[in-house]
Amino acid sequence: MAPPIPPEDQSMAMLAHLSGLGGRLMDGGGIVLPLVIMFASSSPVVRSIAKQALILNLSIILCFVGVFVMCFTVVLIPVAWVAGVLLTLAALILPIIGAVKAAGGQYYRYPIVGTDPVVTGYAN
């Protein structure tokens, strides 16, 4: 079980989650912003959330590259279309869910790529 997010770290945690949406608006935003938050924050929980956001954003970018490559084969075009729609939905919905949870002080772990924070002095 992950620790709750302290009130002073909730805005940074929300920003880390929403950095994925920034990556959809400007090139590199989904990679640069989590890196800045990771190195600027002293909170291990916020750094863990920024690391999750970075891994999620890089994973989505790599999957979109795979979808793009699949579009060059006639047979895989329907698969690429479905995968593209699912990736787009995941890229939009997961950061919003994480930001809402962070606003409430709850740690949100992304499916598949998410990790629990390693916080010293916290007992389960």
C-alpha atoms as a PDB file:
ATOM      1  CA  MET A   1       0.000   0.000   0.000  1.00  0.00           C
ATOM      2  CA  ALA A   2       1.350   3.379  -0.985  1.00  0.00           C
ATOM      3  CA  PRO A   3       1.509   6.273   1.450  1.00  0.00           C
ATOM      4  CA  PRO A   4      -0.912   9.166   1.112  1.00  0.00           C
ATOM      5  CA  ILE A   5       0.337  12.245  -0.678  1.00  0.00           C
ATOM      6  CA  PRO A   6       1.016  15.087   1.789  1.00  0.00           C
ATOM      7  CA  PRO A   7      -1.033  18.259   1.126  1.00  0.00           C
ATOM      8  CA  GLU A   8       2.091  20.277   0.254  1.00  0.00           C
ATOM      9  CA  ASP A   9       2.999  17.764  -2.490  1.00  0.00           C
ATOM     10  CA  GLN A  10      -0.439  17.293  -4.047  1.00  0.00           C
ATOM     11  CA  SER A  11      -0.084  20.058  -6.649  1.00  0.00           C
ATOM     12  CA  MET A  12       3.290  18.715  -7.842  1.00  0.00           C
ATOM     13  CA  ALA A  13       1.834  15.200  -7.979  1.00  0.00           C
ATOM     14  CA  MET A  14      -1.085  16.476 -10.075  1.00  0.00           C
ATOM     15  CA  LEU A  15       1.309  18.295 -12.387  1.00  0.00           C
ATOM     16  CA  ALA A  16       3.397  15.149 -12.803  1.00  0.00           C
ATOM     17  CA  HIS A  17       0.317  13.144 -13.776  1.00  0.00           C
ATOM     18  CA  LEU A  18      -0.908  15.827 -16.173  1.00  0.00           C
ATOM     19  CA  SER A  19       2.491  16.076 -17.862  1.00  0.00           C
ATOM     20  CA  GLY A  20       1.336  13.317 -20.200  1.00  0.00           C
ATOM     21  CA  LEU A  21      -1.352  15.599 -21.557  1.00  0.00           C
ATOM     22  CA  GLY A  22       1.288  18.300 -22.018  1.00  0.00           C
ATOM     23  CA  GLY A  23       3.160  15.858 -24.194  1.00  0.00           C
ATOM     24  CA  ARG A  24       0.159  15.671 -26.482  1.00  0.00           C
ATOM     25  CA  LEU A  25       0.066  19.469 -26.788  1.00  0.00           C
ATOM     26  CA  MET A  26       3.761  20.158 -27.407  1.00  0.00           C
ATOM     27  CA  ASP A  27       6.620  17.998 -28.584  1.00  0.00           C
ATOM     28  CA  GLY A  28       8.635  16.573 -25.727  1.00  0.00           C
ATOM     29  CA  GLY A  29       6.386  17.972 -22.996  1.00  0.00           C
ATOM     30  CA  GLY A  30       5.531  14.536 -21.702  1.00  0.00           C
ATOM     31  CA  ILE A  31       9.221  13.733 -21.275  1.00  0.00           C
ATOM     32  CA  VAL A  32      10.753  17.038 -20.170  1.00  0.00           C
ATOM     33  CA  LEU A  33       8.212  17.958 -17.475  1.00  0.00           C
ATOM     34  CA  PRO A  34       8.395  14.658 -15.530  1.00  0.00           C
ATOM     35  CA  LEU A  35      12.199  14.845 -15.664  1.00  0.00           C
ATOM     36  CA  VAL A  36      12.160  18.386 -14.258  1.00  0.00           C
ATOM     37  CA  ILE A  37       9.752  17.346 -11.498  1.00  0.00           C
ATOM     38  CA  MET A  38      11.822  14.245 -10.703  1.00  0.00           C
ATOM     39  CA  PHE A  39      15.008  16.246 -10.216  1.00  0.00           C
ATOM     40  CA  ALA A  40      13.411  19.321  -8.607  1.00  0.00           C
ATOM     41  CA  SER A  41      11.249  17.593  -5.997  1.00  0.00           C
ATOM     42  CA  SER A  42      12.589  16.411  -2.677  1.00  0.00           C
ATOM     43  CA  SER A  43       9.520  14.279  -1.942  1.00  0.00           C
ATOM     44  CA  PRO A  44      10.017  10.577  -2.722  1.00  0.00           C
ATOM     45  CA  VAL A  45       6.293  10.183  -3.464  1.00  0.00           C
ATOM     46  CA  VAL A  46       6.294  13.012  -6.039  1.00  0.00           C
ATOM     47  CA  ARG A  47       9.503  11.680  -7.585  1.00  0.00           C
ATOM     48  CA  SER A  48       7.909   8.249  -7.868  1.00  0.00           C
ATOM     49  CA  ILE A  49       4.826   9.721  -9.546  1.00  0.00           C
ATOM     50  CA  ALA A  50       7.011  11.695 -11.971  1.00  0.00           C
ATOM     51  CA  LYS A  51       8.956   8.513 -12.757  1.00  0.00           C
ATOM     52  CA  GLN A  52       5.689   6.682 -13.450  1.00  0.00           C
ATOM     53  CA  ALA A  53       4.510   9.501 -15.720  1.00  0.00           C
ATOM     54  CA  LEU A  54       7.807   9.434 -17.604  1.00  0.00           C
ATOM     55  CA  ILE A  55       7.652   5.660 -18.097  1.00  0.00           C
ATOM     56  CA  LEU A  56       4.007   5.851 -19.199  1.00  0.00           C
ATOM     57  CA  ASN A  57       4.720   8.661 -21.678  1.00  0.00           C
ATOM     58  CA  LEU A  58       7.747   6.885 -23.159  1.00  0.00           C
ATOM     59  CA  SER A  59       5.773   3.638 -23.417  1.00  0.00           C
ATOM     60  CA  ILE A  60       2.938   5.360 -25.241  1.00  0.00           C
ATOM     61  CA  ILE A  61       5.365   7.041 -27.646  1.00  0.00           C
ATOM     62  CA  LEU A  62       7.059   3.710 -28.415  1.00  0.00           C
ATOM     63  CA  CYS A  63       3.693   2.007 -28.917  1.00  0.00           C
ATOM     64  CA  PHE A  64       2.600   4.758 -31.311  1.00  0.00           C
ATOM     65  CA  VAL A  65       5.801   4.181 -33.289  1.00  0.00           C
ATOM     66  CA  GLY A  66       4.815   0.504 -33.505  1.00  0.00           C
ATOM     67  CA  VAL A  67       1.314   1.458 -34.639  1.00  0.00           C
ATOM     68  CA  PHE A  68       2.819   3.732 -37.297  1.00  0.00           C
ATOM     69  CA  VAL A  69       4.985   0.881 -38.589  1.00  0.00           C
ATOM     70  CA  MET A  70       1.961  -1.467 -38.671  1.00  0.00           C
ATOM     71  CA  CYS A  71       0.175   0.997 -40.951  1.00  0.00           C
ATOM     72  CA  PHE A  72       2.646   0.151 -43.739  1.00  0.00           C
ATOM     73  CA  THR A  73       1.295  -3.386 -44.016  1.00  0.00           C
ATOM     74  CA  VAL A  74      -2.113  -3.862 -45.568  1.00  0.00           C
ATOM     75  CA  VAL A  75      -2.988  -6.773 -43.290  1.00  0.00           C
ATOM     76  CA  LEU A  76      -2.238  -4.935 -40.018  1.00  0.00           C
ATOM     77  CA  ILE A  77      -4.026  -1.666 -40.798  1.00  0.00           C
ATOM     78  CA  PRO A  78      -7.188  -2.676 -38.853  1.00  0.00           C
ATOM     79  CA  VAL A  79      -5.035  -3.804 -35.916  1.00  0.00           C
ATOM     80  CA  ALA A  80      -3.110  -0.527 -36.054  1.00  0.00           C
ATOM     81  CA  TRP A  81      -6.337   1.458 -36.083  1.00  0.00           C
ATOM     82  CA  VAL A  82      -7.743  -0.345 -33.019  1.00  0.00           C
ATOM     83  CA  ALA A  83      -4.405  -0.132 -31.196  1.00  0.00           C
ATOM     84  CA  GLY A  84      -4.171   3.575 -31.997  1.00  0.00           C
ATOM     85  CA  VAL A  85      -7.638   4.257 -30.603  1.00  0.00           C
ATOM     86  CA  LEU A  86      -6.906   2.281 -27.414  1.00  0.00           C
ATOM     87  CA  LEU A  87      -3.551   4.004 -26.946  1.00  0.00           C
ATOM     88  CA  THR A  88      -5.116   7.423 -27.428  1.00  0.00           C
ATOM     89  CA  LEU A  89      -7.797   6.649 -24.844  1.00  0.00           C
ATOM     90  CA  ALA A  90      -5.196   5.375 -22.370  1.00  0.00           C
ATOM     91  CA  ALA A  91      -2.983   8.420 -22.962  1.00  0.00           C
ATOM     92  CA  LEU A  92      -5.900  10.736 -22.193  1.00  0.00           C
ATOM     93  CA  ILE A  93      -7.715   8.887 -19.407  1.00  0.00           C
ATOM     94  CA  LEU A  94      -4.888   7.542 -17.206  1.00  0.00           C
ATOM     95  CA  PRO A  95      -3.250  10.920 -16.463  1.00  0.00           C
ATOM     96  CA  ILE A  96      -6.630  12.472 -15.656  1.00  0.00           C
ATOM     97  CA  ILE A  97      -7.468   9.658 -13.224  1.00  0.00           C
ATOM     98  CA  GLY A  98      -4.037  10.040 -11.618  1.00  0.00           C
ATOM     99  CA  ALA A  99      -4.435  13.815 -11.265  1.00  0.00           C
ATOM    100  CA  VAL A 100      -7.872  13.461  -9.652  1.00  0.00           C
ATOM    101  CA  LYS A 101      -6.511  10.873  -7.197  1.00  0.00           C
ATOM    102  CA  ALA A 102      -3.494  13.100  -6.431  1.00  0.00           C
ATOM    103  CA  ALA A 103      -5.803  16.044  -5.749  1.00  0.00           C
ATOM    104  CA  GLY A 104      -7.507  13.868  -3.143  1.00  0.00           C
ATOM    105  CA  GLY A 105      -4.193  12.866  -1.590  1.00  0.00           C
ATOM    106  CA  GLN A 106      -4.219   9.293  -2.910  1.00  0.00           C
ATOM    107  CA  TYR A 107      -1.307   7.648  -4.694  1.00  0.00           C
ATOM    108  CA  TYR A 108      -2.353   6.283  -8.105  1.00  0.00           C
ATOM    109  CA  ARG A 109      -0.393   3.473  -9.699  1.00  0.00           C
ATOM    110  CA  TYR A 110      -0.645   3.284 -13.484  1.00  0.00           C
ATOM    111  CA  PRO A 111      -1.596  -0.161 -14.810  1.00  0.00           C
ATOM    112  CA  ILE A 112       1.343  -2.207 -16.149  1.00  0.00           C
ATOM    113  CA  VAL A 113       4.001   0.556 -15.937  1.00  0.00           C
ATOM    114  CA  GLY A 114       3.247   1.941 -12.479  1.00  0.00           C
ATOM    115  CA  THR A 115       5.374   1.404  -9.402  1.00  0.00           C
ATOM    116  CA  ASP A 116       4.820   1.890  -5.713  1.00  0.00           C
ATOM    117  CA  PRO A 117       7.074   4.488  -4.109  1.00  0.00           C
ATOM    118  CA  VAL A 118       9.940   3.488  -1.885  1.00  0.00           C
ATOM    119  CA  VAL A 119       9.550   5.716   1.139  1.00  0.00           C
ATOM    120  CA  THR A 120      11.834   5.292   4.120  1.00  0.00           C
ATOM    121  CA  GLY A 121      10.155   5.351   7.481  1.00  0.00           C
ATOM    122  CA  TYR A 122       6.772   4.245   6.171  1.00  0.00           C
ATOM    123  CA  ALA A 123       5.315   1.037   7.583  1.00  0.00           C
ATOM    124  CA  ASN A 124       2.573  -0.850   5.756  1.00  0.00           C
END
